[in-house]
Structures are given as structure tokens and as C-alpha cells.
């Protein structure tokens, strides 16, 4: 009974939790997207795949279609974070982080927790550490 009712909730919470450090960094450094967007993308990705697993079971073709649609949809969300000002483009790191955050949620849904943690760590490390080395000063 516990697994049936609470495991999906725990997965959704884990998805949001893994997205929070990325969200916090983006919120405090770019203000393009942040504390609301990243956890929602992770939770949404996780939820769609959990629903798919409930409806379709482990049918690999159905799950592949769900994952493909999810990847495309999250790409559109990320595209909204990209801004162009004259000859300067900003928000590409936030857009890419949104896409990776969707993969965090998806990997939690599929119980690939090692991937979830690694994706969160790499995403955070890239935006938090490597942004210091950008030469144009943008985030």
C-alpha cells in the first residue's frame, strides 16, 4: 500500500528537490527563469511519465513516444528563456538547464536515481562554476 500511494509523491518531491539548487542559482543570477520554473519542469516531466507508466505499463514504444513528446515540449519551454537584444543573445544556459531539468524529472520517474543525481550535480556545476569563466559577463 505504501508504494502504491506514496512512492509517486516521493518521486515528485525528489524531482522538485533536485531541481532547487539549479533554480536558486538561476533565480539569483539571471532572473530570466528560476525558483518556480525549474521545479515545475522537473515535477511535470516526472508526473507525465508516472502517468504514462500507470496507463501503459512498461510498453517500451508507448514510453518512447511519451519521452519524445516530453523532450520536445520542454525544448519549447526552454526556448522561451532565450532572449535576443540587438546582436546579443542571453538565456541559452537557462534554456539548456530547463531541458536537463526535464531529464532529471524523467529519470526519477523511471527510477534511474543515479542519473537524476548526476544530472542535477552536473547541471548545477556547469551553471554555478563555469559561468564564472565567461568572458562577456553574461549568465
N, C-alpha and C. Protein backbone atom coordinates (compact mmCIF):
# COMPACT_ATOMS: atom_id res chain seq x y z
N UNK A 1 0.81 -1.20 0.00
CA UNK A 1 0.00 0.00 0.00
C UNK A 1 0.86 1.26 0.00
N UNK A 2 1.93 1.26 0.79
CA UNK A 2 2.79 2.44 0.85
C UNK A 2 3.31 2.81 -0.53
N UNK A 3 3.88 1.85 -1.21
CA UNK A 3 4.46 2.13 -2.53
C UNK A 3 3.41 2.62 -3.51
N UNK A 4 2.26 2.00 -3.48
CA UNK A 4 1.21 2.33 -4.44
C UNK A 4 0.76 3.78 -4.32
N UNK A 5 0.69 4.30 -3.09
CA UNK A 5 0.15 5.63 -2.89
C UNK A 5 1.20 6.70 -2.64
N UNK A 6 2.28 6.34 -1.99
CA UNK A 6 3.25 7.35 -1.58
C UNK A 6 4.51 7.41 -2.44
N UNK A 7 4.85 6.33 -3.12
CA UNK A 7 6.05 6.36 -3.96
C UNK A 7 5.94 7.42 -5.07
N UNK A 8 4.80 7.54 -5.75
CA UNK A 8 4.70 8.63 -6.75
C UNK A 8 4.89 10.01 -6.12
N UNK A 9 4.34 10.23 -4.94
CA UNK A 9 4.51 11.50 -4.26
C UNK A 9 5.97 11.75 -3.92
N UNK A 10 6.65 10.72 -3.43
CA UNK A 10 8.07 10.86 -3.11
C UNK A 10 8.89 11.15 -4.36
N UNK A 11 8.53 10.54 -5.47
CA UNK A 11 9.24 10.80 -6.72
C UNK A 11 9.04 12.25 -7.18
N UNK A 12 7.82 12.75 -7.06
CA UNK A 12 7.56 14.13 -7.44
C UNK A 12 8.34 15.09 -6.54
N UNK A 13 8.36 14.81 -5.26
CA UNK A 13 9.12 15.65 -4.32
C UNK A 13 10.62 15.58 -4.59
N UNK A 14 11.12 14.39 -4.90
CA UNK A 14 12.55 14.26 -5.22
C UNK A 14 12.89 15.05 -6.48
N UNK A 15 12.03 14.98 -7.48
CA UNK A 15 12.26 15.75 -8.71
C UNK A 15 12.38 17.24 -8.41
N UNK A 16 11.45 17.75 -7.63
CA UNK A 16 11.48 19.17 -7.28
C UNK A 16 12.72 19.51 -6.46
N UNK A 17 13.06 18.66 -5.52
CA UNK A 17 14.21 18.89 -4.65
C UNK A 17 15.52 18.93 -5.44
N UNK A 18 15.68 18.03 -6.38
CA UNK A 18 16.90 18.00 -7.19
C UNK A 18 17.00 19.23 -8.10
N UNK A 19 15.87 19.81 -8.45
CA UNK A 19 15.87 20.99 -9.31
C UNK A 19 16.12 22.29 -8.54
N UNK A 20 15.92 22.28 -7.23
CA UNK A 20 16.01 23.52 -6.45
C UNK A 20 17.37 24.22 -6.48
N UNK A 21 18.50 23.51 -6.34
CA UNK A 21 19.78 24.25 -6.40
C UNK A 21 19.98 24.96 -7.75
N UNK A 22 19.58 24.31 -8.81
CA UNK A 22 19.68 24.93 -10.15
C UNK A 22 18.77 26.14 -10.21
N UNK A 23 17.54 25.96 -9.72
CA UNK A 23 16.56 27.05 -9.72
C UNK A 23 17.05 28.24 -8.92
N UNK A 24 17.61 27.97 -7.76
CA UNK A 24 18.11 29.05 -6.91
C UNK A 24 19.24 29.81 -7.61
N UNK A 25 20.15 29.08 -8.21
CA UNK A 25 21.25 29.74 -8.91
C UNK A 25 20.73 30.60 -10.07
N UNK A 26 19.85 30.06 -10.87
CA UNK A 26 19.32 30.82 -12.00
C UNK A 26 18.51 32.02 -11.52
N UNK A 27 17.75 31.86 -10.45
CA UNK A 27 16.95 32.96 -9.90
C UNK A 27 17.83 34.10 -9.43
N UNK A 28 18.89 33.77 -8.72
CA UNK A 28 19.74 34.82 -8.14
C UNK A 28 20.73 35.41 -9.14
N UNK A 29 20.98 34.71 -10.25
CA UNK A 29 21.98 35.20 -11.19
C UNK A 29 21.44 35.71 -12.51
N UNK A 30 20.27 35.26 -12.93
CA UNK A 30 19.79 35.67 -14.25
C UNK A 30 18.43 36.35 -14.20
N UNK A 31 17.58 35.92 -13.31
CA UNK A 31 16.21 36.41 -13.18
C UNK A 31 15.38 36.17 -14.45
N UNK A 32 15.89 35.38 -15.39
CA UNK A 32 15.10 35.02 -16.58
C UNK A 32 14.09 33.96 -16.18
N UNK A 33 14.56 32.91 -15.57
CA UNK A 33 13.72 31.84 -15.03
C UNK A 33 14.36 31.41 -13.72
N UNK A 34 13.59 30.75 -12.87
CA UNK A 34 14.21 30.39 -11.60
C UNK A 34 13.39 29.50 -10.71
N UNK A 35 13.12 29.99 -9.52
CA UNK A 35 12.58 29.17 -8.44
C UNK A 35 11.26 28.49 -8.76
N UNK A 36 10.46 29.05 -9.59
CA UNK A 36 9.20 28.40 -9.93
C UNK A 36 9.35 27.49 -11.14
N UNK A 37 10.08 27.93 -12.13
CA UNK A 37 10.15 27.20 -13.41
C UNK A 37 10.84 25.85 -13.29
N UNK A 38 12.02 25.82 -12.71
CA UNK A 38 12.79 24.58 -12.69
C UNK A 38 12.12 23.45 -11.93
N UNK A 39 11.64 23.69 -10.70
CA UNK A 39 10.94 22.59 -10.02
C UNK A 39 9.68 22.15 -10.77
N UNK A 40 8.96 23.10 -11.37
CA UNK A 40 7.76 22.73 -12.12
C UNK A 40 8.09 21.88 -13.35
N UNK A 41 9.18 22.20 -14.03
CA UNK A 41 9.58 21.38 -15.18
C UNK A 41 9.94 19.98 -14.73
N UNK A 42 10.71 19.86 -13.65
CA UNK A 42 11.10 18.53 -13.15
C UNK A 42 9.88 17.74 -12.68
N UNK A 43 9.01 18.37 -11.94
CA UNK A 43 7.80 17.69 -11.45
C UNK A 43 6.88 17.32 -12.61
N UNK A 44 6.73 18.23 -13.55
CA UNK A 44 5.88 17.95 -14.70
C UNK A 44 6.40 16.78 -15.53
N UNK A 45 7.69 16.76 -15.78
CA UNK A 45 8.28 15.65 -16.54
C UNK A 45 8.08 14.34 -15.80
N UNK A 46 8.35 14.36 -14.52
CA UNK A 46 8.17 13.17 -13.70
C UNK A 46 6.71 12.71 -13.72
N UNK A 47 5.80 13.66 -13.55
CA UNK A 47 4.37 13.32 -13.49
C UNK A 47 3.87 12.73 -14.80
N UNK A 48 4.23 13.32 -15.93
CA UNK A 48 3.77 12.78 -17.21
C UNK A 48 4.24 11.35 -17.41
N UNK A 49 5.48 11.08 -17.03
CA UNK A 49 5.99 9.73 -17.21
C UNK A 49 5.40 8.76 -16.19
N UNK A 50 5.15 9.22 -14.98
CA UNK A 50 4.49 8.37 -13.99
C UNK A 50 3.07 8.00 -14.45
N UNK A 51 2.38 8.99 -15.00
CA UNK A 51 1.04 8.72 -15.53
C UNK A 51 1.14 7.73 -16.69
N UNK A 52 2.12 7.93 -17.55
CA UNK A 52 2.32 7.01 -18.67
C UNK A 52 2.61 5.59 -18.20
N UNK A 53 3.44 5.47 -17.18
CA UNK A 53 3.73 4.14 -16.65
C UNK A 53 2.48 3.50 -16.06
N UNK A 54 1.64 4.32 -15.44
CA UNK A 54 0.39 3.81 -14.86
C UNK A 54 -0.57 3.35 -15.97
N UNK A 55 -0.65 4.12 -17.02
CA UNK A 55 -1.60 3.82 -18.10
C UNK A 55 -1.08 2.74 -19.05
N UNK A 56 0.19 2.87 -19.47
CA UNK A 56 0.74 1.98 -20.48
C UNK A 56 1.64 0.89 -19.92
N UNK A 57 1.93 0.93 -18.64
CA UNK A 57 2.85 -0.04 -18.07
C UNK A 57 4.25 0.18 -18.61
N UNK A 58 4.95 -0.88 -18.83
CA UNK A 58 6.33 -0.78 -19.31
C UNK A 58 6.44 -1.04 -20.81
N UNK A 59 5.39 -0.71 -21.55
CA UNK A 59 5.40 -0.80 -23.02
C UNK A 59 6.44 0.18 -23.55
N UNK A 60 7.52 -0.36 -24.09
CA UNK A 60 8.64 0.50 -24.48
C UNK A 60 8.27 1.47 -25.59
N UNK A 61 7.41 1.09 -26.52
CA UNK A 61 7.02 2.01 -27.59
C UNK A 61 6.21 3.17 -27.05
N UNK A 62 5.27 2.89 -26.17
CA UNK A 62 4.45 3.96 -25.59
C UNK A 62 5.32 4.90 -24.75
N UNK A 63 6.21 4.34 -23.98
CA UNK A 63 7.09 5.17 -23.15
C UNK A 63 8.05 5.97 -24.01
N UNK A 64 8.51 5.42 -25.10
CA UNK A 64 9.40 6.16 -26.01
C UNK A 64 8.66 7.36 -26.61
N UNK A 65 7.40 7.18 -26.98
CA UNK A 65 6.62 8.29 -27.53
C UNK A 65 6.39 9.37 -26.47
N UNK A 66 6.08 8.95 -25.25
CA UNK A 66 5.91 9.92 -24.17
C UNK A 66 7.18 10.71 -23.93
N UNK A 67 8.30 10.01 -23.87
CA UNK A 67 9.58 10.67 -23.62
C UNK A 67 9.94 11.61 -24.76
N UNK A 68 9.68 11.20 -25.99
CA UNK A 68 9.97 12.05 -27.14
C UNK A 68 9.13 13.32 -27.11
N UNK A 69 7.84 13.18 -26.82
CA UNK A 69 6.98 14.36 -26.74
C UNK A 69 7.38 15.27 -25.60
N UNK A 70 7.75 14.68 -24.50
CA UNK A 70 8.19 15.46 -23.34
C UNK A 70 9.45 16.26 -23.67
N UNK A 71 10.40 15.61 -24.29
CA UNK A 71 11.65 16.30 -24.66
C UNK A 71 11.38 17.48 -25.58
N UNK A 72 10.48 17.28 -26.53
CA UNK A 72 10.14 18.35 -27.46
C UNK A 72 9.44 19.49 -26.75
N UNK A 73 8.47 19.15 -25.91
CA UNK A 73 7.72 20.18 -25.18
C UNK A 73 8.59 20.99 -24.26
N UNK A 74 9.50 20.34 -23.56
CA UNK A 74 10.40 21.06 -22.66
C UNK A 74 11.34 21.95 -23.47
N UNK A 75 11.69 21.51 -24.66
CA UNK A 75 12.50 22.36 -25.54
C UNK A 75 11.81 23.67 -25.86
N UNK A 76 10.50 23.63 -26.06
CA UNK A 76 9.75 24.85 -26.31
C UNK A 76 9.73 25.75 -25.08
N UNK A 77 9.58 25.16 -23.91
CA UNK A 77 9.62 25.96 -22.68
C UNK A 77 10.98 26.63 -22.55
N UNK A 78 12.04 25.87 -22.78
CA UNK A 78 13.39 26.43 -22.71
C UNK A 78 13.60 27.53 -23.74
N UNK A 79 13.02 27.34 -24.91
CA UNK A 79 13.15 28.36 -25.96
C UNK A 79 12.62 29.71 -25.52
N UNK A 80 11.62 29.68 -24.65
CA UNK A 80 11.07 30.93 -24.14
C UNK A 80 12.02 31.68 -23.22
N UNK A 81 13.04 31.01 -22.74
CA UNK A 81 14.01 31.66 -21.84
C UNK A 81 15.12 32.37 -22.62
N UNK A 82 15.20 32.13 -23.90
CA UNK A 82 16.25 32.73 -24.72
C UNK A 82 15.79 34.11 -25.20
N UNK A 83 16.59 35.11 -24.91
CA UNK A 83 16.28 36.48 -25.28
C UNK A 83 17.35 37.03 -26.21
N UNK A 84 16.91 37.82 -27.20
CA UNK A 84 17.85 38.44 -28.13
C UNK A 84 17.73 39.95 -28.01
N UNK A 85 18.86 40.59 -27.79
CA UNK A 85 18.93 42.05 -27.70
C UNK A 85 19.96 42.50 -28.73
N UNK A 86 19.50 43.10 -29.81
CA UNK A 86 20.39 43.52 -30.90
C UNK A 86 21.25 42.35 -31.35
N UNK A 87 22.55 42.42 -31.10
CA UNK A 87 23.43 41.32 -31.52
C UNK A 87 23.83 40.41 -30.36
N UNK A 88 23.15 40.53 -29.22
CA UNK A 88 23.48 39.74 -28.03
C UNK A 88 22.34 38.78 -27.71
N UNK A 89 22.69 37.53 -27.46
CA UNK A 89 21.71 36.52 -27.08
C UNK A 89 21.99 36.10 -25.64
N UNK A 90 20.94 36.04 -24.82
CA UNK A 90 21.10 35.60 -23.44
C UNK A 90 20.05 34.54 -23.11
N UNK A 91 20.30 33.81 -22.06
CA UNK A 91 19.35 32.81 -21.61
C UNK A 91 19.58 31.42 -22.15
N UNK A 92 20.63 31.23 -22.93
CA UNK A 92 20.85 29.90 -23.50
C UNK A 92 21.22 28.88 -22.43
N UNK A 93 21.99 29.29 -21.42
CA UNK A 93 22.32 28.36 -20.34
C UNK A 93 21.06 28.02 -19.53
N UNK A 94 20.20 28.99 -19.32
CA UNK A 94 18.94 28.71 -18.61
C UNK A 94 18.07 27.78 -19.44
N UNK A 95 18.02 27.99 -20.74
CA UNK A 95 17.23 27.13 -21.62
C UNK A 95 17.75 25.69 -21.58
N UNK A 96 19.06 25.55 -21.67
CA UNK A 96 19.64 24.21 -21.62
C UNK A 96 19.41 23.57 -20.26
N UNK A 97 19.48 24.37 -19.20
CA UNK A 97 19.23 23.86 -17.86
C UNK A 97 17.78 23.40 -17.69
N UNK A 98 16.86 24.10 -18.31
CA UNK A 98 15.46 23.68 -18.28
C UNK A 98 15.33 22.30 -18.93
N UNK A 99 15.99 22.11 -20.03
CA UNK A 99 15.92 20.84 -20.75
C UNK A 99 16.50 19.71 -19.90
N UNK A 100 17.64 19.97 -19.28
CA UNK A 100 18.27 18.97 -18.41
C UNK A 100 17.39 18.71 -17.19
N UNK A 101 16.75 19.74 -16.67
CA UNK A 101 15.86 19.56 -15.52
C UNK A 101 14.70 18.63 -15.87
N UNK A 102 14.22 18.70 -17.09
CA UNK A 102 13.21 17.73 -17.53
C UNK A 102 13.74 16.31 -17.49
N UNK A 103 15.00 16.16 -17.87
CA UNK A 103 15.62 14.82 -17.82
C UNK A 103 15.77 14.35 -16.37
N UNK A 104 15.98 15.27 -15.45
CA UNK A 104 16.04 14.90 -14.03
C UNK A 104 14.70 14.31 -13.61
N UNK A 105 13.62 15.00 -13.93
CA UNK A 105 12.30 14.50 -13.59
C UNK A 105 11.99 13.17 -14.25
N UNK A 106 12.38 13.03 -15.51
CA UNK A 106 12.15 11.78 -16.23
C UNK A 106 12.92 10.63 -15.60
N UNK A 107 14.17 10.88 -15.24
CA UNK A 107 14.97 9.80 -14.66
C UNK A 107 14.45 9.39 -13.29
N UNK A 108 13.90 10.33 -12.54
CA UNK A 108 13.28 9.97 -11.27
C UNK A 108 12.06 9.09 -11.53
N UNK A 109 11.23 9.46 -12.50
CA UNK A 109 10.04 8.67 -12.81
C UNK A 109 10.40 7.24 -13.16
N UNK A 110 11.48 7.06 -13.89
CA UNK A 110 11.91 5.73 -14.31
C UNK A 110 12.82 5.05 -13.28
N UNK A 111 12.94 5.67 -12.10
CA UNK A 111 13.74 5.13 -11.00
C UNK A 111 15.22 4.99 -11.35
N UNK A 112 15.70 5.88 -12.16
CA UNK A 112 17.12 5.94 -12.52
C UNK A 112 17.77 7.03 -11.65
N UNK A 113 17.84 6.76 -10.37
CA UNK A 113 18.24 7.76 -9.40
C UNK A 113 19.69 8.20 -9.55
N UNK A 114 20.55 7.32 -9.99
CA UNK A 114 21.94 7.72 -10.21
C UNK A 114 22.00 8.79 -11.30
N UNK A 115 21.23 8.59 -12.38
CA UNK A 115 21.17 9.60 -13.44
C UNK A 115 20.61 10.91 -12.90
N UNK A 116 19.56 10.81 -12.11
CA UNK A 116 18.92 12.01 -11.56
C UNK A 116 19.92 12.85 -10.78
N UNK A 117 20.64 12.21 -9.90
CA UNK A 117 21.59 12.92 -9.05
C UNK A 117 22.75 13.46 -9.87
N UNK A 118 23.26 12.66 -10.79
CA UNK A 118 24.36 13.12 -11.64
C UNK A 118 23.94 14.28 -12.53
N UNK A 119 22.75 14.20 -13.11
CA UNK A 119 22.26 15.29 -13.96
C UNK A 119 22.12 16.58 -13.15
N UNK A 120 21.57 16.47 -11.95
CA UNK A 120 21.42 17.65 -11.10
C UNK A 120 22.78 18.24 -10.73
N UNK A 121 23.72 17.38 -10.38
CA UNK A 121 25.05 17.85 -9.98
C UNK A 121 25.79 18.48 -11.14
N UNK A 122 25.74 17.86 -12.30
CA UNK A 122 26.43 18.41 -13.46
C UNK A 122 25.78 19.72 -13.89
N UNK A 123 24.46 19.75 -13.94
CA UNK A 123 23.76 20.97 -14.35
C UNK A 123 24.12 22.12 -13.40
N UNK A 124 24.02 21.89 -12.10
CA UNK A 124 24.35 22.93 -11.14
C UNK A 124 25.81 23.36 -11.28
N UNK A 125 26.70 22.40 -11.40
CA UNK A 125 28.13 22.72 -11.51
C UNK A 125 28.41 23.57 -12.73
N UNK A 126 27.80 23.23 -13.84
CA UNK A 126 28.04 23.99 -15.06
C UNK A 126 27.55 25.43 -14.92
N UNK A 127 26.32 25.61 -14.44
CA UNK A 127 25.80 26.98 -14.35
C UNK A 127 26.43 27.77 -13.21
N UNK A 128 26.80 27.12 -12.14
CA UNK A 128 27.35 27.84 -10.99
C UNK A 128 28.84 28.09 -11.10
N UNK A 129 29.56 27.13 -11.62
CA UNK A 129 31.02 27.25 -11.63
C UNK A 129 31.54 27.77 -12.97
N UNK A 130 31.10 27.17 -14.06
CA UNK A 130 31.64 27.57 -15.36
C UNK A 130 31.21 28.95 -15.80
N UNK A 131 30.08 29.45 -15.27
CA UNK A 131 29.65 30.80 -15.65
C UNK A 131 30.66 31.86 -15.18
N UNK A 132 31.45 31.53 -14.18
CA UNK A 132 32.49 32.47 -13.71
C UNK A 132 33.58 32.71 -14.76
N UNK A 133 33.69 31.78 -15.70
CA UNK A 133 34.75 31.86 -16.69
C UNK A 133 34.29 32.47 -18.00
N UNK A 134 33.02 32.88 -18.08
CA UNK A 134 32.54 33.51 -19.30
C UNK A 134 33.23 34.86 -19.47
N UNK A 135 33.62 35.16 -20.69
CA UNK A 135 34.37 36.38 -20.93
C UNK A 135 33.49 37.58 -21.19
N UNK A 136 32.25 37.37 -21.61
CA UNK A 136 31.40 38.52 -21.92
C UNK A 136 30.58 39.00 -20.72
N UNK A 137 30.65 38.32 -19.58
CA UNK A 137 29.99 38.75 -18.37
C UNK A 137 28.54 38.36 -18.25
N UNK A 138 27.96 37.77 -19.30
CA UNK A 138 26.54 37.37 -19.21
C UNK A 138 26.41 36.01 -18.56
N UNK A 139 25.23 35.71 -18.06
CA UNK A 139 24.96 34.43 -17.41
C UNK A 139 24.33 33.51 -18.41
